[in-house]
Structures are given as C-alpha cells and as structure tokens.
Amino acid sequence: MAPKDPAMLLSWINTQLRDFYPSLDELCGAENLERKAVEASLSSIDYAYDPGTNQFI
C-alpha cells in the first residue's frame, strides 16, 4: 500500500520505480494507483515525474 504523506510517497515511489518498474504507468497498474492522484500529491511538494530518469525529481 502506498503511503498517503507526500514526502513518504516520494521515497516509496522512487524506490519502486528504481527497483521494480520501468515506468510510472507500469507501477500504477501493478499497485492499483491512479497516476493523476500520484502526480497531484507529489506536485504539492514540487516534484514532477521525469520519464527519462524514471524518477520524480
């Protein structure tokens, strides 16, 4: 289950992307997450998904 707190979510998402998933879409599909909700939560702490690095930066 993904953390609700944006800072904790950032750490969890980037670890998942680094270690297990080739893209944010793959992660969201596998973990049953809404991509727009993830991006909105992380944009609230000024992070955006970078597909080139497959990380939120």
PDB file of N, CA and C in Angstrom:
ATOM      1  N   MET A   1       0.845  -1.182   0.000  1.00  0.00           N
ATOM      2  CA  MET A   1       0.000   0.000   0.000  1.00  0.00           C
ATOM      3  C   MET A   1       0.889   1.244   0.000  1.00  0.00           C
ATOM      4  N   ALA A   2       0.543   2.182  -0.848  1.00  0.00           N
ATOM      5  CA  ALA A   2       1.323   3.412  -0.978  1.00  0.00           C
ATOM      6  C   ALA A   2       1.046   4.350   0.198  1.00  0.00           C
ATOM      7  N   PRO A   3       2.075   5.009   0.694  1.00  0.00           N
ATOM      8  CA  PRO A   3       1.885   5.981   1.781  1.00  0.00           C
ATOM      9  C   PRO A   3       1.018   7.162   1.335  1.00  0.00           C
ATOM     10  N   LYS A   4       0.314   7.756   2.263  1.00  0.00           N
ATOM     11  CA  LYS A   4      -0.532   8.926   1.967  1.00  0.00           C
ATOM     12  C   LYS A   4       0.254  10.233   2.056  1.00  0.00           C
ATOM     13  N   ASP A   5       1.204  10.312   2.973  1.00  0.00           N
ATOM     14  CA  ASP A   5       2.010  11.518   3.142  1.00  0.00           C
ATOM     15  C   ASP A   5       2.868  11.730   1.893  1.00  0.00           C
ATOM     16  N   PRO A   6       2.823  12.929   1.272  1.00  0.00           N
ATOM     17  CA  PRO A   6       3.569  13.159   0.034  1.00  0.00           C
ATOM     18  C   PRO A   6       5.072  12.890   0.134  1.00  0.00           C
ATOM     19  N   ALA A   7       5.707  13.258   1.230  1.00  0.00           N
ATOM     20  CA  ALA A   7       7.151  13.025   1.368  1.00  0.00           C
ATOM     21  C   ALA A   7       7.458  11.528   1.459  1.00  0.00           C
ATOM     22  N   MET A   8       6.644  10.800   2.181  1.00  0.00           N
ATOM     23  CA  MET A   8       6.823   9.346   2.274  1.00  0.00           C
ATOM     24  C   MET A   8       6.495   8.678   0.936  1.00  0.00           C
ATOM     25  N   LEU A   9       5.464   9.190   0.273  1.00  0.00           N
ATOM     26  CA  LEU A   9       5.087   8.671  -1.042  1.00  0.00           C
ATOM     27  C   LEU A   9       6.229   8.858  -2.034  1.00  0.00           C
ATOM     28  N   LEU A  10       6.874  10.010  -2.001  1.00  0.00           N
ATOM     29  CA  LEU A  10       8.003  10.282  -2.894  1.00  0.00           C
ATOM     30  C   LEU A  10       9.084   9.219  -2.736  1.00  0.00           C
ATOM     31  N   SER A  11       9.471   8.955  -1.523  1.00  0.00           N
ATOM     32  CA  SER A  11      10.507   7.959  -1.262  1.00  0.00           C
ATOM     33  C   SER A  11      10.072   6.577  -1.734  1.00  0.00           C
ATOM     34  N   TRP A  12       8.868   6.198  -1.414  1.00  0.00           N
ATOM     35  CA  TRP A  12       8.352   4.881  -1.785  1.00  0.00           C
ATOM     36  C   TRP A  12       8.262   4.736  -3.302  1.00  0.00           C
ATOM     37  N   ILE A  13       7.675   5.747  -3.963  1.00  0.00           N
ATOM     38  CA  ILE A  13       7.501   5.697  -5.429  1.00  0.00           C
ATOM     39  C   ILE A  13       8.850   5.607  -6.128  1.00  0.00           C
ATOM     40  N   ASN A  14       9.793   6.465  -5.758  1.00  0.00           N
ATOM     41  CA  ASN A  14      11.093   6.448  -6.433  1.00  0.00           C
ATOM     42  C   ASN A  14      11.835   5.130  -6.206  1.00  0.00           C
ATOM     43  N   THR A  15      11.690   4.546  -5.036  1.00  0.00           N
ATOM     44  CA  THR A  15      12.298   3.237  -4.787  1.00  0.00           C
ATOM     45  C   THR A  15      11.654   2.170  -5.662  1.00  0.00           C
ATOM     46  N   GLN A  16      10.340   2.189  -5.735  1.00  0.00           N
ATOM     47  CA  GLN A  16       9.631   1.218  -6.573  1.00  0.00           C
ATOM     48  C   GLN A  16      10.026   1.376  -8.041  1.00  0.00           C
ATOM     49  N   LEU A  17      10.089   2.626  -8.502  1.00  0.00           N
ATOM     50  CA  LEU A  17      10.471   2.880  -9.893  1.00  0.00           C
ATOM     51  C   LEU A  17      11.904   2.426 -10.157  1.00  0.00           C
ATOM     52  N   ARG A  18      12.782   2.691  -9.253  1.00  0.00           N
ATOM     53  CA  ARG A  18      14.188   2.313  -9.427  1.00  0.00           C
ATOM     54  C   ARG A  18      14.365   0.791  -9.428  1.00  0.00           C
ATOM     55  N   ASP A  19      13.698   0.114  -8.499  1.00  0.00           N
ATOM     56  CA  ASP A  19      13.974  -1.306  -8.279  1.00  0.00           C
ATOM     57  C   ASP A  19      13.076  -2.281  -9.041  1.00  0.00           C
ATOM     58  N   PHE A  20      11.852  -1.861  -9.378  1.00  0.00           N
ATOM     59  CA  PHE A  20      10.899  -2.845  -9.886  1.00  0.00           C
ATOM     60  C   PHE A  20      10.152  -2.490 -11.169  1.00  0.00           C
ATOM     61  N   TYR A  21       9.980  -1.222 -11.488  1.00  0.00           N
ATOM     62  CA  TYR A  21       9.103  -0.842 -12.596  1.00  0.00           C
ATOM     63  C   TYR A  21       9.807   0.046 -13.615  1.00  0.00           C
ATOM     64  N   PRO A  22       9.622  -0.241 -14.907  1.00  0.00           N
ATOM     65  CA  PRO A  22      10.272   0.550 -15.954  1.00  0.00           C
ATOM     66  C   PRO A  22       9.579   1.883 -16.249  1.00  0.00           C
ATOM     67  N   SER A  23       8.378   2.088 -15.691  1.00  0.00           N
ATOM     68  CA  SER A  23       7.666   3.347 -15.937  1.00  0.00           C
ATOM     69  C   SER A  23       6.635   3.590 -14.836  1.00  0.00           C
ATOM     70  N   LEU A  24       6.195   4.835 -14.758  1.00  0.00           N
ATOM     71  CA  LEU A  24       5.149   5.186 -13.791  1.00  0.00           C
ATOM     72  C   LEU A  24       3.843   4.470 -14.125  1.00  0.00           C
ATOM     73  N   ASP A  25       3.528   4.337 -15.407  1.00  0.00           N
ATOM     74  CA  ASP A  25       2.306   3.630 -15.797  1.00  0.00           C
ATOM     75  C   ASP A  25       2.333   2.172 -15.338  1.00  0.00           C
ATOM     76  N   GLU A  26       3.484   1.515 -15.477  1.00  0.00           N
ATOM     77  CA  GLU A  26       3.620   0.120 -15.025  1.00  0.00           C
ATOM     78  C   GLU A  26       3.408   0.021 -13.512  1.00  0.00           C
ATOM     79  N   LEU A  27       4.013   0.933 -12.775  1.00  0.00           N
ATOM     80  CA  LEU A  27       3.868   0.949 -11.317  1.00  0.00           C
ATOM     81  C   LEU A  27       2.416   1.156 -10.922  1.00  0.00           C
ATOM     82  N   CYS A  28       1.775   2.144 -11.516  1.00  0.00           N
ATOM     83  CA  CYS A  28       0.385   2.447 -11.162  1.00  0.00           C
ATOM     84  C   CYS A  28      -0.536   1.271 -11.479  1.00  0.00           C
ATOM     85  N   GLY A  29      -0.307   0.625 -12.618  1.00  0.00           N
ATOM     86  CA  GLY A  29      -1.118  -0.535 -12.977  1.00  0.00           C
ATOM     87  C   GLY A  29      -0.937  -1.685 -12.000  1.00  0.00           C
ATOM     88  N   ALA A  30       0.293  -1.967 -11.646  1.00  0.00           N
ATOM     89  CA  ALA A  30       0.591  -3.092 -10.756  1.00  0.00           C
ATOM     90  C   ALA A  30       0.122  -2.843  -9.326  1.00  0.00           C
ATOM     91  N   GLU A  31       0.216  -1.603  -8.878  1.00  0.00           N
ATOM     92  CA  GLU A  31      -0.130  -1.264  -7.490  1.00  0.00           C
ATOM     93  C   GLU A  31      -1.545  -0.704  -7.348  1.00  0.00           C
ATOM     94  N   ASN A  32      -2.286  -0.679  -8.458  1.00  0.00           N
ATOM     95  CA  ASN A  32      -3.660  -0.167  -8.470  1.00  0.00           C
ATOM     96  C   ASN A  32      -3.743   1.271  -7.954  1.00  0.00           C
ATOM     97  N   LEU A  33      -2.861   2.123  -8.488  1.00  0.00           N
ATOM     98  CA  LEU A  33      -2.832   3.540  -8.129  1.00  0.00           C
ATOM     99  C   LEU A  33      -3.309   4.375  -9.305  1.00  0.00           C
ATOM    100  N   GLU A  34      -3.931   5.502  -9.012  1.00  0.00           N
ATOM    101  CA  GLU A  34      -4.310   6.433 -10.065  1.00  0.00           C
ATOM    102  C   GLU A  34      -3.143   7.370 -10.321  1.00  0.00           C
ATOM    103  N   ARG A  35      -2.639   7.345 -11.553  1.00  0.00           N
ATOM    104  CA  ARG A  35      -1.464   8.147 -11.898  1.00  0.00           C
ATOM    105  C   ARG A  35      -1.691   9.627 -11.595  1.00  0.00           C
ATOM    106  N   LYS A  36      -2.856  10.146 -11.962  1.00  0.00           N
ATOM    107  CA  LYS A  36      -3.125  11.575 -11.736  1.00  0.00           C
ATOM    108  C   LYS A  36      -3.098  11.918 -10.254  1.00  0.00           C
ATOM    109  N   ALA A  37      -3.582  11.036  -9.412  1.00  0.00           N
ATOM    110  CA  ALA A  37      -3.574  11.273  -7.965  1.00  0.00           C
ATOM    111  C   ALA A  37      -2.148  11.266  -7.427  1.00  0.00           C
ATOM    112  N   VAL A  38      -1.326  10.343  -7.917  1.00  0.00           N
ATOM    113  CA  VAL A  38       0.084  10.281  -7.504  1.00  0.00           C
ATOM    114  C   VAL A  38       0.796  11.563  -7.923  1.00  0.00           C
ATOM    115  N   GLU A  39       0.612  11.955  -9.180  1.00  0.00           N
ATOM    116  CA  GLU A  39       1.274  13.161  -9.682  1.00  0.00           C
ATOM    117  C   GLU A  39       0.793  14.412  -8.946  1.00  0.00           C
ATOM    118  N   ALA A  40      -0.491  14.479  -8.625  1.00  0.00           N
ATOM    119  CA  ALA A  40      -1.020  15.631  -7.893  1.00  0.00           C
ATOM    120  C   ALA A  40      -0.439  15.698  -6.486  1.00  0.00           C
ATOM    121  N   SER A  41      -0.363  14.567  -5.824  1.00  0.00           N
ATOM    122  CA  SER A  41       0.195  14.533  -4.473  1.00  0.00           C
ATOM    123  C   SER A  41       1.646  14.987  -4.472  1.00  0.00           C
ATOM    124  N   LEU A  42       2.431  14.489  -5.414  1.00  0.00           N
ATOM    125  CA  LEU A  42       3.850  14.832  -5.438  1.00  0.00           C
ATOM    126  C   LEU A  42       4.101  16.236  -5.985  1.00  0.00           C
ATOM    127  N   SER A  43       3.206  16.736  -6.812  1.00  0.00           N
ATOM    128  CA  SER A  43       3.372  18.123  -7.271  1.00  0.00           C
ATOM    129  C   SER A  43       3.113  19.101  -6.131  1.00  0.00           C
ATOM    130  N   SER A  44       2.367  18.666  -5.113  1.00  0.00           N
ATOM    131  CA  SER A  44       2.116  19.534  -3.954  1.00  0.00           C
ATOM    132  C   SER A  44       3.391  19.804  -3.161  1.00  0.00           C
ATOM    133  N   ILE A  45       4.411  18.965  -3.356  1.00  0.00           N
ATOM    134  CA  ILE A  45       5.716  19.206  -2.718  1.00  0.00           C
ATOM    135  C   ILE A  45       6.781  19.489  -3.788  1.00  0.00           C
ATOM    136  N   ASP A  46       6.303  19.970  -4.943  1.00  0.00           N
ATOM    137  CA  ASP A  46       7.172  20.436  -6.039  1.00  0.00           C
ATOM    138  C   ASP A  46       8.011  19.351  -6.700  1.00  0.00           C
ATOM    139  N   TYR A  47       7.451  18.176  -6.867  1.00  0.00           N
ATOM    140  CA  TYR A  47       8.119  17.103  -7.605  1.00  0.00           C
ATOM    141  C   TYR A  47       7.277  16.739  -8.813  1.00  0.00           C
ATOM    142  N   ALA A  48       7.952  16.416  -9.911  1.00  0.00           N
ATOM    143  CA  ALA A  48       7.280  16.004 -11.137  1.00  0.00           C
ATOM    144  C   ALA A  48       7.984  14.772 -11.692  1.00  0.00           C
ATOM    145  N   TYR A  49       7.215  13.949 -12.384  1.00  0.00           N
ATOM    146  CA  TYR A  49       7.776  12.729 -12.959  1.00  0.00           C
ATOM    147  C   TYR A  49       8.621  13.057 -14.178  1.00  0.00           C
ATOM    148  N   ASP A  50       9.818  12.482 -14.226  1.00  0.00           N
ATOM    149  CA  ASP A  50      10.718  12.615 -15.371  1.00  0.00           C
ATOM    150  C   ASP A  50      10.864  11.233 -16.003  1.00  0.00           C
ATOM    151  N   PRO A  51      10.235  11.021 -17.177  1.00  0.00           N
ATOM    152  CA  PRO A  51      10.312   9.697 -17.791  1.00  0.00           C
ATOM    153  C   PRO A  51      11.727   9.298 -18.206  1.00  0.00           C
ATOM    154  N   GLY A  52      12.582  10.268 -18.473  1.00  0.00           N
ATOM    155  CA  GLY A  52      13.956   9.970 -18.865  1.00  0.00           C
ATOM    156  C   GLY A  52      14.744   9.270 -17.775  1.00  0.00           C
ATOM    157  N   THR A  53      14.525   9.688 -16.539  1.00  0.00           N
ATOM    158  CA  THR A  53      15.216   9.056 -15.410  1.00  0.00           C
ATOM    159  C   THR A  53      14.311   8.068 -14.674  1.00  0.00           C
ATOM    160  N   ASN A  54      13.021   8.059 -15.038  1.00  0.00           N
ATOM    161  CA  ASN A  54      12.025   7.213 -14.381  1.00  0.00           C
ATOM    162  C   ASN A  54      11.996   7.487 -12.877  1.00  0.00           C
ATOM    163  N   GLN A  55      12.025   8.761 -12.528  1.00  0.00           N
ATOM    164  CA  GLN A  55      12.003   9.186 -11.123  1.00  0.00           C
ATOM    165  C   GLN A  55      11.207  10.481 -11.004  1.00  0.00           C
ATOM    166  N   PHE A  56      10.726  10.747  -9.806  1.00  0.00           N
ATOM    167  CA  PHE A  56      10.160  12.059  -9.505  1.00  0.00           C
ATOM    168  C   PHE A  56      11.307  12.934  -9.034  1.00  0.00           C
ATOM    169  N   ILE A  57      11.466  14.075  -9.695  1.00  0.00           N
ATOM    170  CA  ILE A  57      12.555  14.993  -9.352  1.00  0.00           C
ATOM    171  C   ILE A  57      12.017  16.399  -9.169  1.00  0.00           C
TER     172      ILE A  57
END
